[in-house]
Amino acid sequence: MKKRTGKNYLDELSGEEEGAIDRILMRYGIKSASDYYKFGVKIRKLIGRDRNNPNLDKEVSVIAEEYAIKKELNKDALIDIVKDFRNKQ
């Protein structure tokens, strides 16, 4: 296992995080995961930075909706990714 530090750590998902996203996407029958991984990185950074923010749920919902529209991704899958990441933080 390579050591993840600095900027690389912030810009990459761990194997466990990628696996969680893959499981969620399989439930929805989604094959291409790269945009969902990018979303996961963005959400992980936001959750890590604003973990105690009472408006965090609303903010990530807005981001998920924007991402779903802009990248034409499945919004329900994005929300499930957020829930999974929130539960692990």
PDB file of N, CA and C in Angstrom:
ATOM      1  N   MET A   1       0.848  -1.178   0.000  1.00  0.00           N
ATOM      2  CA  MET A   1       0.000   0.000   0.000  1.00  0.00           C
ATOM      3  C   MET A   1       0.888   1.232   0.000  1.00  0.00           C
ATOM      4  N   LYS A   2       0.628   2.131  -0.964  1.00  0.00           N
ATOM      5  CA  LYS A   2       1.444   3.328  -1.023  1.00  0.00           C
ATOM      6  C   LYS A   2       0.998   4.314   0.044  1.00  0.00           C
ATOM      7  N   LYS A   3       1.956   5.093   0.523  1.00  0.00           N
ATOM      8  CA  LYS A   3       1.661   6.074   1.552  1.00  0.00           C
ATOM      9  C   LYS A   3       1.059   7.312   0.898  1.00  0.00           C
ATOM     10  N   ARG A   4      -0.080   7.764   1.417  1.00  0.00           N
ATOM     11  CA  ARG A   4      -0.754   8.926   0.851  1.00  0.00           C
ATOM     12  C   ARG A   4      -0.551  10.113   1.778  1.00  0.00           C
ATOM     13  N   THR A   5       0.065  11.146   1.255  1.00  0.00           N
ATOM     14  CA  THR A   5       0.312  12.325   2.074  1.00  0.00           C
ATOM     15  C   THR A   5       0.041  13.585   1.272  1.00  0.00           C
ATOM     16  N   GLY A   6      -0.076  14.702   1.970  1.00  0.00           N
ATOM     17  CA  GLY A   6      -0.173  16.005   1.337  1.00  0.00           C
ATOM     18  C   GLY A   6      -1.308  16.112   0.347  1.00  0.00           C
ATOM     19  N   LYS A   7      -1.042  16.799  -0.759  1.00  0.00           N
ATOM     20  CA  LYS A   7      -2.054  17.056  -1.777  1.00  0.00           C
ATOM     21  C   LYS A   7      -2.588  15.759  -2.382  1.00  0.00           C
ATOM     22  N   ASN A   8      -1.708  14.772  -2.599  1.00  0.00           N
ATOM     23  CA  ASN A   8      -2.168  13.512  -3.175  1.00  0.00           C
ATOM     24  C   ASN A   8      -3.241  12.871  -2.311  1.00  0.00           C
ATOM     25  N   TYR A   9      -3.066  12.932  -1.003  1.00  0.00           N
ATOM     26  CA  TYR A   9      -4.049  12.345  -0.102  1.00  0.00           C
ATOM     27  C   TYR A   9      -5.398  13.031  -0.265  1.00  0.00           C
ATOM     28  N   LEU A  10      -5.380  14.349  -0.415  1.00  0.00           N
ATOM     29  CA  LEU A  10      -6.626  15.089  -0.515  1.00  0.00           C
ATOM     30  C   LEU A  10      -7.314  14.883  -1.860  1.00  0.00           C
ATOM     31  N   ASP A  11      -6.554  14.541  -2.886  1.00  0.00           N
ATOM     32  CA  ASP A  11      -7.102  14.421  -4.231  1.00  0.00           C
ATOM     33  C   ASP A  11      -7.390  12.987  -4.645  1.00  0.00           C
ATOM     34  N   GLU A  12      -7.223  12.041  -3.745  1.00  0.00           N
ATOM     35  CA  GLU A  12      -7.461  10.635  -4.065  1.00  0.00           C
ATOM     36  C   GLU A  12      -8.348  10.011  -2.993  1.00  0.00           C
ATOM     37  N   LEU A  13      -9.092   9.026  -3.401  1.00  0.00           N
ATOM     38  CA  LEU A  13      -9.902   8.261  -2.451  1.00  0.00           C
ATOM     39  C   LEU A  13      -9.110   7.046  -2.007  1.00  0.00           C
ATOM     40  N   SER A  14      -9.372   6.595  -0.801  1.00  0.00           N
ATOM     41  CA  SER A  14      -8.752   5.361  -0.336  1.00  0.00           C
ATOM     42  C   SER A  14      -9.435   4.186  -1.030  1.00  0.00           C
ATOM     43  N   GLY A  15      -8.829   3.034  -0.961  1.00  0.00           N
ATOM     44  CA  GLY A  15      -9.439   1.836  -1.538  1.00  0.00           C
ATOM     45  C   GLY A  15     -10.795   1.548  -0.920  1.00  0.00           C
ATOM     46  N   GLU A  16     -10.917   1.777   0.366  1.00  0.00           N
ATOM     47  CA  GLU A  16     -12.191   1.558   1.059  1.00  0.00           C
ATOM     48  C   GLU A  16     -13.261   2.519   0.550  1.00  0.00           C
ATOM     49  N   GLU A  17     -12.880   3.779   0.336  1.00  0.00           N
ATOM     50  CA  GLU A  17     -13.836   4.769  -0.162  1.00  0.00           C
ATOM     51  C   GLU A  17     -14.262   4.441  -1.591  1.00  0.00           C
ATOM     52  N   GLU A  18     -13.306   4.044  -2.439  1.00  0.00           N
ATOM     53  CA  GLU A  18     -13.637   3.652  -3.808  1.00  0.00           C
ATOM     54  C   GLU A  18     -14.557   2.424  -3.805  1.00  0.00           C
ATOM     55  N   GLY A  19     -14.276   1.477  -2.909  1.00  0.00           N
ATOM     56  CA  GLY A  19     -15.109   0.284  -2.803  1.00  0.00           C
ATOM     57  C   GLY A  19     -16.531   0.623  -2.393  1.00  0.00           C
ATOM     58  N   ALA A  20     -16.664   1.571  -1.471  1.00  0.00           N
ATOM     59  CA  ALA A  20     -18.000   1.990  -1.041  1.00  0.00           C
ATOM     60  C   ALA A  20     -18.763   2.615  -2.204  1.00  0.00           C
ATOM     61  N   ILE A  21     -18.081   3.451  -2.984  1.00  0.00           N
ATOM     62  CA  ILE A  21     -18.720   4.068  -4.142  1.00  0.00           C
ATOM     63  C   ILE A  21     -19.092   3.000  -5.160  1.00  0.00           C
ATOM     64  N   ASP A  22     -18.196   2.053  -5.404  1.00  0.00           N
ATOM     65  CA  ASP A  22     -18.472   0.976  -6.364  1.00  0.00           C
ATOM     66  C   ASP A  22     -19.709   0.170  -5.956  1.00  0.00           C
ATOM     67  N   ARG A  23     -19.847  -0.135  -4.657  1.00  0.00           N
ATOM     68  CA  ARG A  23     -21.016  -0.887  -4.175  1.00  0.00           C
ATOM     69  C   ARG A  23     -22.305  -0.094  -4.401  1.00  0.00           C
ATOM     70  N   ILE A  24     -22.249   1.199  -4.131  1.00  0.00           N
ATOM     71  CA  ILE A  24     -23.428   2.041  -4.336  1.00  0.00           C
ATOM     72  C   ILE A  24     -23.792   2.075  -5.818  1.00  0.00           C
ATOM     73  N   LEU A  25     -22.793   2.235  -6.680  1.00  0.00           N
ATOM     74  CA  LEU A  25     -23.062   2.318  -8.120  1.00  0.00           C
ATOM     75  C   LEU A  25     -23.607   1.002  -8.660  1.00  0.00           C
ATOM     76  N   MET A  26     -23.142  -0.111  -8.111  1.00  0.00           N
ATOM     77  CA  MET A  26     -23.655  -1.415  -8.548  1.00  0.00           C
ATOM     78  C   MET A  26     -25.146  -1.531  -8.234  1.00  0.00           C
ATOM     79  N   ARG A  27     -25.575  -0.993  -7.098  1.00  0.00           N
ATOM     80  CA  ARG A  27     -27.000  -1.028  -6.744  1.00  0.00           C
ATOM     81  C   ARG A  27     -27.847  -0.296  -7.774  1.00  0.00           C
ATOM     82  N   TYR A  28     -27.277   0.748  -8.374  1.00  0.00           N
ATOM     83  CA  TYR A  28     -28.002   1.542  -9.365  1.00  0.00           C
ATOM     84  C   TYR A  28     -27.699   1.106 -10.796  1.00  0.00           C
ATOM     85  N   GLY A  29     -26.855   0.112 -10.983  1.00  0.00           N
ATOM     86  CA  GLY A  29     -26.528  -0.375 -12.314  1.00  0.00           C
ATOM     87  C   GLY A  29     -25.662   0.587 -13.110  1.00  0.00           C
ATOM     88  N   ILE A  30     -24.858   1.375 -12.427  1.00  0.00           N
ATOM     89  CA  ILE A  30     -24.010   2.378 -13.072  1.00  0.00           C
ATOM     90  C   ILE A  30     -22.625   1.785 -13.299  1.00  0.00           C
ATOM     91  N   LYS A  31     -22.133   1.895 -14.519  1.00  0.00           N
ATOM     92  CA  LYS A  31     -20.852   1.273 -14.866  1.00  0.00           C
ATOM     93  C   LYS A  31     -19.661   2.219 -14.722  1.00  0.00           C
ATOM     94  N   SER A  32     -19.768   3.445 -15.207  1.00  0.00           N
ATOM     95  CA  SER A  32     -18.646   4.380 -15.192  1.00  0.00           C
ATOM     96  C   SER A  32     -18.587   5.123 -13.860  1.00  0.00           C
ATOM     97  N   ALA A  33     -17.458   4.993 -13.172  1.00  0.00           N
ATOM     98  CA  ALA A  33     -17.375   5.532 -11.815  1.00  0.00           C
ATOM     99  C   ALA A  33     -16.499   6.772 -11.680  1.00  0.00           C
ATOM    100  N   SER A  34     -15.773   7.176 -12.711  1.00  0.00           N
ATOM    101  CA  SER A  34     -14.774   8.235 -12.557  1.00  0.00           C
ATOM    102  C   SER A  34     -15.365   9.553 -12.058  1.00  0.00           C
ATOM    103  N   ASP A  35     -16.511   9.989 -12.587  1.00  0.00           N
ATOM    104  CA  ASP A  35     -17.113  11.236 -12.116  1.00  0.00           C
ATOM    105  C   ASP A  35     -17.624  11.099 -10.683  1.00  0.00           C
ATOM    106  N   TYR A  36     -18.056   9.905 -10.330  1.00  0.00           N
ATOM    107  CA  TYR A  36     -18.514   9.673  -8.952  1.00  0.00           C
ATOM    108  C   TYR A  36     -17.328   9.699  -7.986  1.00  0.00           C
ATOM    109  N   TYR A  37     -16.162   9.219  -8.423  1.00  0.00           N
ATOM    110  CA  TYR A  37     -14.958   9.301  -7.588  1.00  0.00           C
ATOM    111  C   TYR A  37     -14.583  10.763  -7.366  1.00  0.00           C
ATOM    112  N   LYS A  38     -14.657  11.568  -8.425  1.00  0.00           N
ATOM    113  CA  LYS A  38     -14.344  13.002  -8.290  1.00  0.00           C
ATOM    114  C   LYS A  38     -15.304  13.661  -7.310  1.00  0.00           C
ATOM    115  N   PHE A  39     -16.578  13.290  -7.387  1.00  0.00           N
ATOM    116  CA  PHE A  39     -17.561  13.805  -6.437  1.00  0.00           C
ATOM    117  C   PHE A  39     -17.199  13.370  -5.019  1.00  0.00           C
ATOM    118  N   GLY A  40     -16.796  12.110  -4.863  1.00  0.00           N
ATOM    119  CA  GLY A  40     -16.401  11.599  -3.546  1.00  0.00           C
ATOM    120  C   GLY A  40     -15.250  12.372  -2.945  1.00  0.00           C
ATOM    121  N   VAL A  41     -14.259  12.731  -3.765  1.00  0.00           N
ATOM    122  CA  VAL A  41     -13.122  13.522  -3.284  1.00  0.00           C
ATOM    123  C   VAL A  41     -13.611  14.878  -2.799  1.00  0.00           C
ATOM    124  N   LYS A  42     -14.470  15.511  -3.585  1.00  0.00           N
ATOM    125  CA  LYS A  42     -14.988  16.834  -3.220  1.00  0.00           C
ATOM    126  C   LYS A  42     -15.781  16.772  -1.912  1.00  0.00           C
ATOM    127  N   ILE A  43     -16.626  15.770  -1.781  1.00  0.00           N
ATOM    128  CA  ILE A  43     -17.445  15.635  -0.581  1.00  0.00           C
ATOM    129  C   ILE A  43     -16.590  15.294   0.641  1.00  0.00           C
ATOM    130  N   ARG A  44     -15.602  14.413   0.456  1.00  0.00           N
ATOM    131  CA  ARG A  44     -14.728  14.066   1.582  1.00  0.00           C
ATOM    132  C   ARG A  44     -14.005  15.301   2.101  1.00  0.00           C
ATOM    133  N   LYS A  45     -13.527  16.150   1.197  1.00  0.00           N
ATOM    134  CA  LYS A  45     -12.855  17.388   1.613  1.00  0.00           C
ATOM    135  C   LYS A  45     -13.816  18.288   2.387  1.00  0.00           C
ATOM    136  N   LEU A  46     -15.034  18.442   1.874  1.00  0.00           N
ATOM    137  CA  LEU A  46     -16.024  19.300   2.519  1.00  0.00           C
ATOM    138  C   LEU A  46     -16.394  18.767   3.900  1.00  0.00           C
ATOM    139  N   ILE A  47     -16.634  17.487   3.994  1.00  0.00           N
ATOM    140  CA  ILE A  47     -16.998  16.894   5.284  1.00  0.00           C
ATOM    141  C   ILE A  47     -15.834  17.026   6.269  1.00  0.00           C
ATOM    142  N   GLY A  48     -14.617  16.797   5.814  1.00  0.00           N
ATOM    143  CA  GLY A  48     -13.454  16.925   6.679  1.00  0.00           C
ATOM    144  C   GLY A  48     -13.252  18.337   7.186  1.00  0.00           C
ATOM    145  N   ARG A  49     -13.536  19.306   6.333  1.00  0.00           N
ATOM    146  CA  ARG A  49     -13.322  20.702   6.692  1.00  0.00           C
ATOM    147  C   ARG A  49     -14.461  21.248   7.545  1.00  0.00           C
ATOM    148  N   ASP A  50     -15.700  20.896   7.217  1.00  0.00           N
ATOM    149  CA  ASP A  50     -16.869  21.495   7.868  1.00  0.00           C
ATOM    150  C   ASP A  50     -17.681  20.488   8.669  1.00  0.00           C
ATOM    151  N   ARG A  51     -17.030  19.514   9.239  1.00  0.00           N
ATOM    152  CA  ARG A  51     -17.693  18.418   9.950  1.00  0.00           C
ATOM    153  C   ARG A  51     -18.721  18.893  10.975  1.00  0.00           C
ATOM    154  N   ASN A  52     -18.449  20.006  11.676  1.00  0.00           N
ATOM    155  CA  ASN A  52     -19.339  20.469  12.738  1.00  0.00           C
ATOM    156  C   ASN A  52     -20.311  21.551  12.279  1.00  0.00           C
ATOM    157  N   ASN A  53     -20.378  21.804  10.993  1.00  0.00           N
ATOM    158  CA  ASN A  53     -21.264  22.814  10.446  1.00  0.00           C
ATOM    159  C   ASN A  53     -22.704  22.292  10.471  1.00  0.00           C
ATOM    160  N   PRO A  54     -23.613  23.002  11.142  1.00  0.00           N
ATOM    161  CA  PRO A  54     -25.002  22.521  11.209  1.00  0.00           C
ATOM    162  C   PRO A  54     -25.707  22.540   9.855  1.00  0.00           C
ATOM    163  N   ASN A  55     -25.199  23.294   8.889  1.00  0.00           N
ATOM    164  CA  ASN A  55     -25.807  23.374   7.559  1.00  0.00           C
ATOM    165  C   ASN A  55     -25.152  22.428   6.554  1.00  0.00           C
ATOM    166  N   LEU A  56     -24.291  21.544   7.039  1.00  0.00           N
ATOM    167  CA  LEU A  56     -23.533  20.670   6.137  1.00  0.00           C
ATOM    168  C   LEU A  56     -24.448  19.791   5.285  1.00  0.00           C
ATOM    169  N   ASP A  57     -25.482  19.221   5.872  1.00  0.00           N
ATOM    170  CA  ASP A  57     -26.383  18.356   5.105  1.00  0.00           C
ATOM    171  C   ASP A  57     -27.025  19.111   3.947  1.00  0.00           C
ATOM    172  N   LYS A  58     -27.432  20.336   4.212  1.00  0.00           N
ATOM    173  CA  LYS A  58     -28.042  21.139   3.160  1.00  0.00           C
ATOM    174  C   LYS A  58     -27.019  21.464   2.075  1.00  0.00           C
ATOM    175  N   GLU A  59     -25.802  21.830   2.478  1.00  0.00           N
ATOM    176  CA  GLU A  59     -24.753  22.170   1.514  1.00  0.00           C
ATOM    177  C   GLU A  59     -24.416  20.988   0.608  1.00  0.00           C
ATOM    178  N   VAL A  60     -24.258  19.799   1.181  1.00  0.00           N
ATOM    179  CA  VAL A  60     -23.905  18.646   0.352  1.00  0.00           C
ATOM    180  C   VAL A  60     -25.069  18.233  -0.543  1.00  0.00           C
ATOM    181  N   SER A  61     -26.298  18.452  -0.102  1.00  0.00           N
ATOM    182  CA  SER A  61     -27.447  18.167  -0.955  1.00  0.00           C
ATOM    183  C   SER A  61     -27.467  19.083  -2.171  1.00  0.00           C
ATOM    184  N   VAL A  62     -27.146  20.353  -1.948  1.00  0.00           N
ATOM    185  CA  VAL A  62     -27.091  21.310  -3.054  1.00  0.00           C
ATOM    186  C   VAL A  62     -25.970  20.927  -4.023  1.00  0.00           C
ATOM    187  N   ILE A  63     -24.812  20.566  -3.481  1.00  0.00           N
ATOM    188  CA  ILE A  63     -23.679  20.161  -4.320  1.00  0.00           C
ATOM    189  C   ILE A  63     -24.041  18.907  -5.111  1.00  0.00           C
ATOM    190  N   ALA A  64     -24.687  17.948  -4.471  1.00  0.00           N
ATOM    191  CA  ALA A  64     -25.084  16.711  -5.154  1.00  0.00           C
ATOM    192  C   ALA A  64     -26.053  17.012  -6.294  1.00  0.00           C
ATOM    193  N   GLU A  65     -26.995  17.903  -6.052  1.00  0.00           N
ATOM    194  CA  GLU A  65     -27.954  18.243  -7.101  1.00  0.00           C
ATOM    195  C   GLU A  65     -27.261  18.951  -8.263  1.00  0.00           C
ATOM    196  N   GLU A  66     -26.362  19.886  -7.947  1.00  0.00           N
ATOM    197  CA  GLU A  66     -25.625  20.587  -9.000  1.00  0.00           C
ATOM    198  C   GLU A  66     -24.771  19.616  -9.809  1.00  0.00           C
ATOM    199  N   TYR A  67     -24.091  18.718  -9.116  1.00  0.00           N
ATOM    200  CA  TYR A  67     -23.253  17.720  -9.780  1.00  0.00           C
ATOM    201  C   TYR A  67     -24.095  16.807 -10.667  1.00  0.00           C
ATOM    202  N   ALA A  68     -25.252  16.403 -10.168  1.00  0.00           N
ATOM    203  CA  ALA A  68     -26.139  15.517 -10.927  1.00  0.00           C
ATOM    204  C   ALA A  68     -26.578  16.182 -12.221  1.00  0.00           C
ATOM    205  N   ILE A  69     -26.888  17.463 -12.155  1.00  0.00           N
ATOM    206  CA  ILE A  69     -27.336  18.182 -13.342  1.00  0.00           C
ATOM    207  C   ILE A  69     -26.169  18.447 -14.290  1.00  0.00           C
ATOM    208  N   LYS A  70     -25.074  18.985 -13.741  1.00  0.00           N
ATOM    209  CA  LYS A  70     -23.940  19.383 -14.578  1.00  0.00           C
ATOM    210  C   LYS A  70     -23.269  18.194 -15.257  1.00  0.00           C
ATOM    211  N   LYS A  71     -23.069  17.125 -14.523  1.00  0.00           N
ATOM    212  CA  LYS A  71     -22.355  15.958 -15.051  1.00  0.00           C
ATOM    213  C   LYS A  71     -23.302  14.846 -15.514  1.00  0.00           C
ATOM    214  N   GLU A  72     -24.610  15.085 -15.385  1.00  0.00           N
ATOM    215  CA  GLU A  72     -25.632  14.092 -15.745  1.00  0.00           C
ATOM    216  C   GLU A  72     -25.425  12.778 -14.993  1.00  0.00           C
ATOM    217  N   LEU A  73     -25.313  12.909 -13.674  1.00  0.00           N
ATOM    218  CA  LEU A  73     -25.113  11.753 -12.811  1.00  0.00           C
ATOM    219  C   LEU A  73     -26.398  11.445 -12.062  1.00  0.00           C
ATOM    220  N   ASN A  74     -26.472  10.261 -11.496  1.00  0.00           N
ATOM    221  CA  ASN A  74     -27.636   9.819 -10.742  1.00  0.00           C
ATOM    222  C   ASN A  74     -27.617  10.482  -9.357  1.00  0.00           C
ATOM    223  N   LYS A  75     -28.599  11.347  -9.114  1.00  0.00           N
ATOM    224  CA  LYS A  75     -28.642  12.099  -7.856  1.00  0.00           C
ATOM    225  C   LYS A  75     -28.796  11.176  -6.653  1.00  0.00           C
ATOM    226  N   ASP A  76     -29.603  10.135  -6.767  1.00  0.00           N
ATOM    227  CA  ASP A  76     -29.795   9.217  -5.645  1.00  0.00           C
ATOM    228  C   ASP A  76     -28.489   8.523  -5.271  1.00  0.00           C
ATOM    229  N   ALA A  77     -27.700   8.156  -6.281  1.00  0.00           N
ATOM    230  CA  ALA A  77     -26.398   7.538  -6.010  1.00  0.00           C
ATOM    231  C   ALA A  77     -25.479   8.535  -5.316  1.00  0.00           C
ATOM    232  N   LEU A  78     -25.509   9.792  -5.756  1.00  0.00           N
ATOM    233  CA  LEU A  78     -24.672  10.825  -5.117  1.00  0.00           C
ATOM    234  C   LEU A  78     -25.071  11.019  -3.658  1.00  0.00           C
ATOM    235  N   ILE A  79     -26.359  11.048  -3.379  1.00  0.00           N
ATOM    236  CA  ILE A  79     -26.835  11.207  -1.994  1.00  0.00           C
ATOM    237  C   ILE A  79     -26.405  10.005  -1.150  1.00  0.00           C
ATOM    238  N   ASP A  80     -26.470   8.799  -1.710  1.00  0.00           N
ATOM    239  CA  ASP A  80     -26.019   7.611  -0.979  1.00  0.00           C
ATOM    240  C   ASP A  80     -24.523   7.679  -0.680  1.00  0.00           C
ATOM    241  N   ILE A  81     -23.747   8.211  -1.611  1.00  0.00           N
ATOM    242  CA  ILE A  81     -22.301   8.380  -1.380  1.00  0.00           C
ATOM    243  C   ILE A  81     -22.083   9.344  -0.225  1.00  0.00           C
ATOM    244  N   VAL A  82     -22.820  10.449  -0.220  1.00  0.00           N
ATOM    245  CA  VAL A  82     -22.708  11.426   0.879  1.00  0.00           C
ATOM    246  C   VAL A  82     -23.041  10.770   2.209  1.00  0.00           C
ATOM    247  N   LYS A  83     -24.134  10.020   2.247  1.00  0.00           N
ATOM    248  CA  LYS A  83     -24.542   9.355   3.499  1.00  0.00           C
ATOM    249  C   LYS A  83     -23.459   8.397   3.983  1.00  0.00           C
ATOM    250  N   ASP A  84     -22.892   7.628   3.054  1.00  0.00           N
ATOM    251  CA  ASP A  84     -21.847   6.689   3.421  1.00  0.00           C
ATOM    252  C   ASP A  84     -20.628   7.411   3.983  1.00  0.00           C
ATOM    253  N   PHE A  85     -20.212   8.483   3.337  1.00  0.00           N
ATOM    254  CA  PHE A  85     -19.045   9.230   3.796  1.00  0.00           C
ATOM    255  C   PHE A  85     -19.314   9.907   5.133  1.00  0.00           C
ATOM    256  N   ARG A  86     -20.540  10.430   5.308  1.00  0.00           N
ATOM    257  CA  ARG A  86     -20.896  11.078   6.582  1.00  0.00           C
ATOM    258  C   ARG A  86     -20.856  10.061   7.734  1.00  0.00           C
ATOM    259  N   ASN A  87     -21.344   8.872   7.488  1.00  0.00           N
ATOM    260  CA  ASN A  87     -21.381   7.852   8.536  1.00  0.00           C
ATOM    261  C   ASN A  87     -19.980   7.397   8.934  1.00  0.00           C
ATOM    262  N   LYS A  88     -19.017   7.505   8.045  1.00  0.00           N
ATOM    263  CA  LYS A  88     -17.649   7.063   8.353  1.00  0.00           C
ATOM    264  C   LYS A  88     -16.800   8.146   8.975  1.00  0.00           C
ATOM    265  N   GLN A  89     -17.283   9.394   8.980  1.00  0.00           N
ATOM    266  CA  GLN A  89     -16.500  10.494   9.544  1.00  0.00           C
ATOM    267  C   GLN A  89     -16.681  10.590  11.024  1.00  0.00           C
TER     268      GLN A  89
END
